[in-house]
Amino acid sequence: MWKQRESPSRIEKRFEFEEYQEISIFLRKIDELCKEKNIYPNISFGKNFVSVSIFLDSEEISSNEKDFSMTLDNYFLET
């Protein structure tokens, strides 16, 4: 589940993986999606996780930001 945060307004999620190779595949998919949607979140990762923070353009989550986050959820389920 994505968590909504304030100051600055953003949504965040941590994705956990069993193998590092899955992280590499997931990051490549994120890269493609960023270019497609023109959204460039903050991303950090380690041995078994990827954390994503999407900074919102306004107080409300836009349809583009919502679509981006749902697509990431789908990519995670496919990995």
PDB file of N, CA and C in Angstrom:
ATOM      1  N   MET A   1       0.839  -1.178   0.000  1.00  0.00           N
ATOM      2  CA  MET A   1       0.000   0.000   0.000  1.00  0.00           C
ATOM      3  C   MET A   1       0.889   1.248   0.000  1.00  0.00           C
ATOM      4  N   TRP A   2       0.524   2.179  -0.826  1.00  0.00           N
ATOM      5  CA  TRP A   2       1.229   3.456  -0.896  1.00  0.00           C
ATOM      6  C   TRP A   2       0.835   4.308   0.301  1.00  0.00           C
ATOM      7  N   LYS A   3       1.805   4.975   0.895  1.00  0.00           N
ATOM      8  CA  LYS A   3       1.556   5.866   2.030  1.00  0.00           C
ATOM      9  C   LYS A   3       1.658   7.306   1.560  1.00  0.00           C
ATOM     10  N   GLN A   4       0.673   8.108   1.937  1.00  0.00           N
ATOM     11  CA  GLN A   4       0.704   9.521   1.575  1.00  0.00           C
ATOM     12  C   GLN A   4       1.363  10.297   2.708  1.00  0.00           C
ATOM     13  N   ARG A   5       2.292  11.176   2.340  1.00  0.00           N
ATOM     14  CA  ARG A   5       3.053  11.980   3.302  1.00  0.00           C
ATOM     15  C   ARG A   5       2.900  13.465   2.969  1.00  0.00           C
ATOM     16  N   GLU A   6       3.204  14.297   3.951  1.00  0.00           N
ATOM     17  CA  GLU A   6       3.150  15.746   3.770  1.00  0.00           C
ATOM     18  C   GLU A   6       4.533  16.353   3.983  1.00  0.00           C
ATOM     19  N   SER A   7       4.684  17.577   3.534  1.00  0.00           N
ATOM     20  CA  SER A   7       5.899  18.388   3.729  1.00  0.00           C
ATOM     21  C   SER A   7       7.178  17.699   3.278  1.00  0.00           C
ATOM     22  N   PRO A   8       7.431  17.547   2.067  1.00  0.00           N
ATOM     23  CA  PRO A   8       6.589  17.877   0.915  1.00  0.00           C
ATOM     24  C   PRO A   8       5.586  16.760   0.621  1.00  0.00           C
ATOM     25  N   SER A   9       4.558  17.132  -0.095  1.00  0.00           N
ATOM     26  CA  SER A   9       3.485  16.203  -0.425  1.00  0.00           C
ATOM     27  C   SER A   9       4.001  15.121  -1.366  1.00  0.00           C
ATOM     28  N   ARG A  10       3.812  13.857  -0.955  1.00  0.00           N
ATOM     29  CA  ARG A  10       4.345  12.745  -1.745  1.00  0.00           C
ATOM     30  C   ARG A  10       3.632  11.445  -1.369  1.00  0.00           C
ATOM     31  N   ILE A  11       3.823  10.427  -2.187  1.00  0.00           N
ATOM     32  CA  ILE A  11       3.409   9.077  -1.841  1.00  0.00           C
ATOM     33  C   ILE A  11       4.655   8.200  -1.882  1.00  0.00           C
ATOM     34  N   GLU A  12       4.682   7.202  -0.985  1.00  0.00           N
ATOM     35  CA  GLU A  12       5.863   6.356  -0.859  1.00  0.00           C
ATOM     36  C   GLU A  12       5.462   4.889  -0.747  1.00  0.00           C
ATOM     37  N   LYS A  13       6.368   4.033  -1.219  1.00  0.00           N
ATOM     38  CA  LYS A  13       6.159   2.596  -1.050  1.00  0.00           C
ATOM     39  C   LYS A  13       7.503   1.886  -1.083  1.00  0.00           C
ATOM     40  N   ARG A  14       7.600   0.828  -0.298  1.00  0.00           N
ATOM     41  CA  ARG A  14       8.790  -0.029  -0.280  1.00  0.00           C
ATOM     42  C   ARG A  14       8.397  -1.383  -0.870  1.00  0.00           C
ATOM     43  N   PHE A  15       9.147  -1.810  -1.866  1.00  0.00           N
ATOM     44  CA  PHE A  15       8.938  -3.091  -2.526  1.00  0.00           C
ATOM     45  C   PHE A  15      10.053  -4.033  -2.079  1.00  0.00           C
ATOM     46  N   GLU A  16       9.708  -5.225  -1.606  1.00  0.00           N
ATOM     47  CA  GLU A  16      10.716  -6.162  -1.118  1.00  0.00           C
ATOM     48  C   GLU A  16      10.840  -7.349  -2.060  1.00  0.00           C
ATOM     49  N   PHE A  17      12.086  -7.806  -2.248  1.00  0.00           N
ATOM     50  CA  PHE A  17      12.408  -8.860  -3.201  1.00  0.00           C
ATOM     51  C   PHE A  17      13.235  -9.950  -2.529  1.00  0.00           C
ATOM     52  N   GLU A  18      13.166 -11.155  -3.083  1.00  0.00           N
ATOM     53  CA  GLU A  18      13.960 -12.264  -2.558  1.00  0.00           C
ATOM     54  C   GLU A  18      15.343 -12.316  -3.198  1.00  0.00           C
ATOM     55  N   GLU A  19      15.451 -11.897  -4.469  1.00  0.00           N
ATOM     56  CA  GLU A  19      16.725 -11.964  -5.172  1.00  0.00           C
ATOM     57  C   GLU A  19      17.068 -10.602  -5.780  1.00  0.00           C
ATOM     58  N   TYR A  20      18.359 -10.282  -5.758  1.00  0.00           N
ATOM     59  CA  TYR A  20      18.814  -8.999  -6.286  1.00  0.00           C
ATOM     60  C   TYR A  20      18.516  -8.858  -7.777  1.00  0.00           C
ATOM     61  N   GLN A  21      18.544  -9.958  -8.514  1.00  0.00           N
ATOM     62  CA  GLN A  21      18.264  -9.920  -9.955  1.00  0.00           C
ATOM     63  C   GLN A  21      16.862  -9.368 -10.226  1.00  0.00           C
ATOM     64  N   GLU A  22      15.909  -9.666  -9.362  1.00  0.00           N
ATOM     65  CA  GLU A  22      14.550  -9.145  -9.508  1.00  0.00           C
ATOM     66  C   GLU A  22      14.546  -7.622  -9.381  1.00  0.00           C
ATOM     67  N   ILE A  23      15.397  -7.090  -8.521  1.00  0.00           N
ATOM     68  CA  ILE A  23      15.499  -5.644  -8.336  1.00  0.00           C
ATOM     69  C   ILE A  23      15.984  -4.988  -9.623  1.00  0.00           C
ATOM     70  N   SER A  24      16.972  -5.588 -10.262  1.00  0.00           N
ATOM     71  CA  SER A  24      17.509  -5.055 -11.510  1.00  0.00           C
ATOM     72  C   SER A  24      16.420  -4.976 -12.586  1.00  0.00           C
ATOM     73  N   ILE A  25      15.628  -6.016 -12.716  1.00  0.00           N
ATOM     74  CA  ILE A  25      14.534  -6.046 -13.690  1.00  0.00           C
ATOM     75  C   ILE A  25      13.505  -4.964 -13.350  1.00  0.00           C
ATOM     76  N   PHE A  26      13.146  -4.861 -12.077  1.00  0.00           N
ATOM     77  CA  PHE A  26      12.170  -3.874 -11.623  1.00  0.00           C
ATOM     78  C   PHE A  26      12.652  -2.451 -11.908  1.00  0.00           C
ATOM     79  N   LEU A  27      13.929  -2.175 -11.646  1.00  0.00           N
ATOM     80  CA  LEU A  27      14.474  -0.840 -11.889  1.00  0.00           C
ATOM     81  C   LEU A  27      14.455  -0.485 -13.377  1.00  0.00           C
ATOM     82  N   ARG A  28      14.714  -1.444 -14.247  1.00  0.00           N
ATOM     83  CA  ARG A  28      14.638  -1.181 -15.695  1.00  0.00           C
ATOM     84  C   ARG A  28      13.206  -0.827 -16.100  1.00  0.00           C
ATOM     85  N   LYS A  29      12.228  -1.516 -15.517  1.00  0.00           N
ATOM     86  CA  LYS A  29      10.830  -1.210 -15.822  1.00  0.00           C
ATOM     87  C   LYS A  29      10.454   0.181 -15.318  1.00  0.00           C
ATOM     88  N   ILE A  30      10.961   0.550 -14.139  1.00  0.00           N
ATOM     89  CA  ILE A  30      10.705   1.888 -13.602  1.00  0.00           C
ATOM     90  C   ILE A  30      11.284   2.936 -14.545  1.00  0.00           C
ATOM     91  N   ASP A  31      12.491   2.701 -15.036  1.00  0.00           N
ATOM     92  CA  ASP A  31      13.142   3.634 -15.955  1.00  0.00           C
ATOM     93  C   ASP A  31      12.274   3.877 -17.190  1.00  0.00           C
ATOM     94  N   GLU A  32      11.753   2.819 -17.770  1.00  0.00           N
ATOM     95  CA  GLU A  32      10.900   2.949 -18.965  1.00  0.00           C
ATOM     96  C   GLU A  32       9.629   3.715 -18.645  1.00  0.00           C
ATOM     97  N   LEU A  33       9.033   3.413 -17.490  1.00  0.00           N
ATOM     98  CA  LEU A  33       7.792   4.076 -17.095  1.00  0.00           C
ATOM     99  C   LEU A  33       8.017   5.569 -16.840  1.00  0.00           C
ATOM    100  N   CYS A  34       9.149   5.922 -16.240  1.00  0.00           N
ATOM    101  CA  CYS A  34       9.469   7.337 -15.988  1.00  0.00           C
ATOM    102  C   CYS A  34       9.483   8.125 -17.291  1.00  0.00           C
ATOM    103  N   LYS A  35      10.126   7.560 -18.286  1.00  0.00           N
ATOM    104  CA  LYS A  35      10.203   8.236 -19.585  1.00  0.00           C
ATOM    105  C   LYS A  35       8.829   8.342 -20.236  1.00  0.00           C
ATOM    106  N   GLU A  36       8.027   7.310 -20.093  1.00  0.00           N
ATOM    107  CA  GLU A  36       6.688   7.303 -20.692  1.00  0.00           C
ATOM    108  C   GLU A  36       5.752   8.309 -20.024  1.00  0.00           C
ATOM    109  N   LYS A  37       5.776   8.372 -18.696  1.00  0.00           N
ATOM    110  CA  LYS A  37       4.839   9.210 -17.931  1.00  0.00           C
ATOM    111  C   LYS A  37       5.406  10.576 -17.550  1.00  0.00           C
ATOM    112  N   ASN A  38       6.710  10.782 -17.789  1.00  0.00           N
ATOM    113  CA  ASN A  38       7.370  12.022 -17.409  1.00  0.00           C
ATOM    114  C   ASN A  38       7.251  12.301 -15.906  1.00  0.00           C
ATOM    115  N   ILE A  39       7.401  11.233 -15.137  1.00  0.00           N
ATOM    116  CA  ILE A  39       7.434  11.314 -13.680  1.00  0.00           C
ATOM    117  C   ILE A  39       8.757  10.687 -13.252  1.00  0.00           C
ATOM    118  N   TYR A  40       9.501  11.408 -12.430  1.00  0.00           N
ATOM    119  CA  TYR A  40      10.822  10.946 -12.014  1.00  0.00           C
ATOM    120  C   TYR A  40      10.900  10.925 -10.488  1.00  0.00           C
ATOM    121  N   PRO A  41      10.508   9.796  -9.880  1.00  0.00           N
ATOM    122  CA  PRO A  41      10.482   9.710  -8.419  1.00  0.00           C
ATOM    123  C   PRO A  41      11.881   9.564  -7.825  1.00  0.00           C
ATOM    124  N   ASN A  42      11.961   9.750  -6.524  1.00  0.00           N
ATOM    125  CA  ASN A  42      13.190   9.410  -5.797  1.00  0.00           C
ATOM    126  C   ASN A  42      13.160   7.909  -5.573  1.00  0.00           C
ATOM    127  N   ILE A  43      14.280   7.254  -5.871  1.00  0.00           N
ATOM    128  CA  ILE A  43      14.367   5.802  -5.751  1.00  0.00           C
ATOM    129  C   ILE A  43      15.622   5.459  -4.952  1.00  0.00           C
ATOM    130  N   SER A  44      15.456   4.576  -3.987  1.00  0.00           N
ATOM    131  CA  SER A  44      16.614   4.021  -3.291  1.00  0.00           C
ATOM    132  C   SER A  44      16.433   2.506  -3.259  1.00  0.00           C
ATOM    133  N   PHE A  45      17.551   1.798  -3.221  1.00  0.00           N
ATOM    134  CA  PHE A  45      17.441   0.343  -3.191  1.00  0.00           C
ATOM    135  C   PHE A  45      18.616  -0.263  -2.443  1.00  0.00           C
ATOM    136  N   GLY A  46      18.405  -1.478  -2.005  1.00  0.00           N
ATOM    137  CA  GLY A  46      19.437  -2.227  -1.301  1.00  0.00           C
ATOM    138  C   GLY A  46      19.413  -3.666  -1.782  1.00  0.00           C
ATOM    139  N   LYS A  47      19.947  -4.541  -0.993  1.00  0.00           N
ATOM    140  CA  LYS A  47      20.084  -5.948  -1.363  1.00  0.00           C
ATOM    141  C   LYS A  47      18.741  -6.611  -1.659  1.00  0.00           C
ATOM    142  N   ASN A  48      17.691  -6.214  -0.931  1.00  0.00           N
ATOM    143  CA  ASN A  48      16.404  -6.895  -1.102  1.00  0.00           C
ATOM    144  C   ASN A  48      15.194  -5.952  -1.136  1.00  0.00           C
ATOM    145  N   PHE A  49      15.406  -4.677  -1.460  1.00  0.00           N
ATOM    146  CA  PHE A  49      14.272  -3.752  -1.500  1.00  0.00           C
ATOM    147  C   PHE A  49      14.504  -2.613  -2.492  1.00  0.00           C
ATOM    148  N   VAL A  50      13.395  -2.006  -2.903  1.00  0.00           N
ATOM    149  CA  VAL A  50      13.396  -0.761  -3.662  1.00  0.00           C
ATOM    150  C   VAL A  50      12.364   0.141  -2.992  1.00  0.00           C
ATOM    151  N   SER A  51      12.764   1.361  -2.644  1.00  0.00           N
ATOM    152  CA  SER A  51      11.849   2.351  -2.075  1.00  0.00           C
ATOM    153  C   SER A  51      11.626   3.451  -3.106  1.00  0.00           C
ATOM    154  N   VAL A  52      10.358   3.822  -3.281  1.00  0.00           N
ATOM    155  CA  VAL A  52       9.990   4.823  -4.280  1.00  0.00           C
ATOM    156  C   VAL A  52       9.191   5.936  -3.598  1.00  0.00           C
ATOM    157  N   SER A  53       9.584   7.182  -3.846  1.00  0.00           N
ATOM    158  CA  SER A  53       8.843   8.356  -3.381  1.00  0.00           C
ATOM    159  C   SER A  53       8.474   9.193  -4.594  1.00  0.00           C
ATOM    160  N   ILE A  54       7.173   9.394  -4.791  1.00  0.00           N
ATOM    161  CA  ILE A  54       6.683  10.221  -5.890  1.00  0.00           C
ATOM    162  C   ILE A  54       6.223  11.547  -5.286  1.00  0.00           C
ATOM    163  N   PHE A  55       6.918  12.615  -5.631  1.00  0.00           N
ATOM    164  CA  PHE A  55       6.549  13.937  -5.133  1.00  0.00           C
ATOM    165  C   PHE A  55       5.403  14.475  -5.982  1.00  0.00           C
ATOM    166  N   LEU A  56       4.339  14.885  -5.315  1.00  0.00           N
ATOM    167  CA  LEU A  56       3.103  15.280  -5.988  1.00  0.00           C
ATOM    168  C   LEU A  56       3.164  16.723  -6.468  1.00  0.00           C
ATOM    169  N   ASP A  57       2.500  16.968  -7.587  1.00  0.00           N
ATOM    170  CA  ASP A  57       2.432  18.324  -8.132  1.00  0.00           C
ATOM    171  C   ASP A  57       1.492  19.211  -7.327  1.00  0.00           C
ATOM    172  N   SER A  58       0.562  18.585  -6.607  1.00  0.00           N
ATOM    173  CA  SER A  58      -0.383  19.340  -5.782  1.00  0.00           C
ATOM    174  C   SER A  58      -0.709  18.496  -4.549  1.00  0.00           C
ATOM    175  N   GLU A  59      -1.648  18.955  -3.729  1.00  0.00           N
ATOM    176  CA  GLU A  59      -2.039  18.222  -2.528  1.00  0.00           C
ATOM    177  C   GLU A  59      -2.732  16.905  -2.867  1.00  0.00           C
ATOM    178  N   GLU A  60      -3.411  16.881  -3.997  1.00  0.00           N
ATOM    179  CA  GLU A  60      -4.128  15.691  -4.435  1.00  0.00           C
ATOM    180  C   GLU A  60      -3.278  14.892  -5.415  1.00  0.00           C
ATOM    181  N   ILE A  61      -3.462  13.586  -5.395  1.00  0.00           N
ATOM    182  CA  ILE A  61      -2.751  12.720  -6.332  1.00  0.00           C
ATOM    183  C   ILE A  61      -3.423  12.849  -7.694  1.00  0.00           C
ATOM    184  N   SER A  62      -2.638  13.214  -8.709  1.00  0.00           N
ATOM    185  CA  SER A  62      -3.202  13.375 -10.051  1.00  0.00           C
ATOM    186  C   SER A  62      -3.453  12.000 -10.677  1.00  0.00           C
ATOM    187  N   SER A  63      -4.231  11.978 -11.734  1.00  0.00           N
ATOM    188  CA  SER A  63      -4.507  10.713 -12.419  1.00  0.00           C
ATOM    189  C   SER A  63      -3.224  10.118 -12.994  1.00  0.00           C
ATOM    190  N   ASN A  64      -2.315  10.959 -13.460  1.00  0.00           N
ATOM    191  CA  ASN A  64      -1.037  10.494 -13.992  1.00  0.00           C
ATOM    192  C   ASN A  64      -0.180   9.854 -12.884  1.00  0.00           C
ATOM    193  N   GLU A  65      -0.146  10.477 -11.724  1.00  0.00           N
ATOM    194  CA  GLU A  65       0.600   9.934 -10.590  1.00  0.00           C
ATOM    195  C   GLU A  65      -0.029   8.646 -10.074  1.00  0.00           C
ATOM    196  N   LYS A  66      -1.353   8.613 -10.058  1.00  0.00           N
ATOM    197  CA  LYS A  66      -2.061   7.408  -9.630  1.00  0.00           C
ATOM    198  C   LYS A  66      -1.792   6.258 -10.598  1.00  0.00           C
ATOM    199  N   ASP A  67      -1.839   6.551 -11.887  1.00  0.00           N
ATOM    200  CA  ASP A  67      -1.560   5.536 -12.906  1.00  0.00           C
ATOM    201  C   ASP A  67      -0.125   5.027 -12.778  1.00  0.00           C
ATOM    202  N   PHE A  68       0.808   5.935 -12.540  1.00  0.00           N
ATOM    203  CA  PHE A  68       2.214   5.567 -12.366  1.00  0.00           C
ATOM    204  C   PHE A  68       2.366   4.594 -11.194  1.00  0.00           C
ATOM    205  N   SER A  69       1.770   4.924 -10.057  1.00  0.00           N
ATOM    206  CA  SER A  69       1.909   4.070  -8.868  1.00  0.00           C
ATOM    207  C   SER A  69       1.238   2.710  -9.075  1.00  0.00           C
ATOM    208  N   MET A  70       0.086   2.679  -9.716  1.00  0.00           N
ATOM    209  CA  MET A  70      -0.596   1.408  -9.972  1.00  0.00           C
ATOM    210  C   MET A  70       0.199   0.547 -10.952  1.00  0.00           C
ATOM    211  N   THR A  71       0.831   1.178 -11.926  1.00  0.00           N
ATOM    212  CA  THR A  71       1.669   0.436 -12.876  1.00  0.00           C
ATOM    213  C   THR A  71       2.859  -0.175 -12.156  1.00  0.00           C
ATOM    214  N   LEU A  72       3.470   0.570 -11.231  1.00  0.00           N
ATOM    215  CA  LEU A  72       4.575   0.011 -10.448  1.00  0.00           C
ATOM    216  C   LEU A  72       4.121  -1.193  -9.630  1.00  0.00           C
ATOM    217  N   ASP A  73       2.931  -1.100  -9.046  1.00  0.00           N
ATOM    218  CA  ASP A  73       2.387  -2.244  -8.299  1.00  0.00           C
ATOM    219  C   ASP A  73       2.260  -3.459  -9.220  1.00  0.00           C
ATOM    220  N   ASN A  74       1.780  -3.251 -10.427  1.00  0.00           N
ATOM    221  CA  ASN A  74       1.629  -4.360 -11.390  1.00  0.00           C
ATOM    222  C   ASN A  74       2.980  -4.928 -11.793  1.00  0.00           C
ATOM    223  N   TYR A  75       3.960  -4.061 -12.011  1.00  0.00           N
ATOM    224  CA  TYR A  75       5.314  -4.529 -12.347  1.00  0.00           C
ATOM    225  C   TYR A  75       5.862  -5.404 -11.218  1.00  0.00           C
ATOM    226  N   PHE A  76       5.619  -4.994  -9.983  1.00  0.00           N
ATOM    227  CA  PHE A  76       6.105  -5.762  -8.835  1.00  0.00           C
ATOM    228  C   PHE A  76       5.464  -7.140  -8.815  1.00  0.00           C
ATOM    229  N   LEU A  77       4.171  -7.209  -9.088  1.00  0.00           N
ATOM    230  CA  LEU A  77       3.476  -8.498  -9.079  1.00  0.00           C
ATOM    231  C   LEU A  77       3.982  -9.416 -10.195  1.00  0.00           C
ATOM    232  N   GLU A  78       4.432  -8.830 -11.297  1.00  0.00           N
ATOM    233  CA  GLU A  78       4.949  -9.618 -12.426  1.00  0.00           C
ATOM    234  C   GLU A  78       6.351 -10.152 -12.171  1.00  0.00           C
ATOM    235  N   THR A  79       7.085  -9.515 -11.254  1.00  0.00           N
ATOM    236  CA  THR A  79       8.488  -9.884 -11.016  1.00  0.00           C
ATOM    237  C   THR A  79       8.599 -11.169 -10.240  1.00  0.00           C
TER     238      THR A  79
END
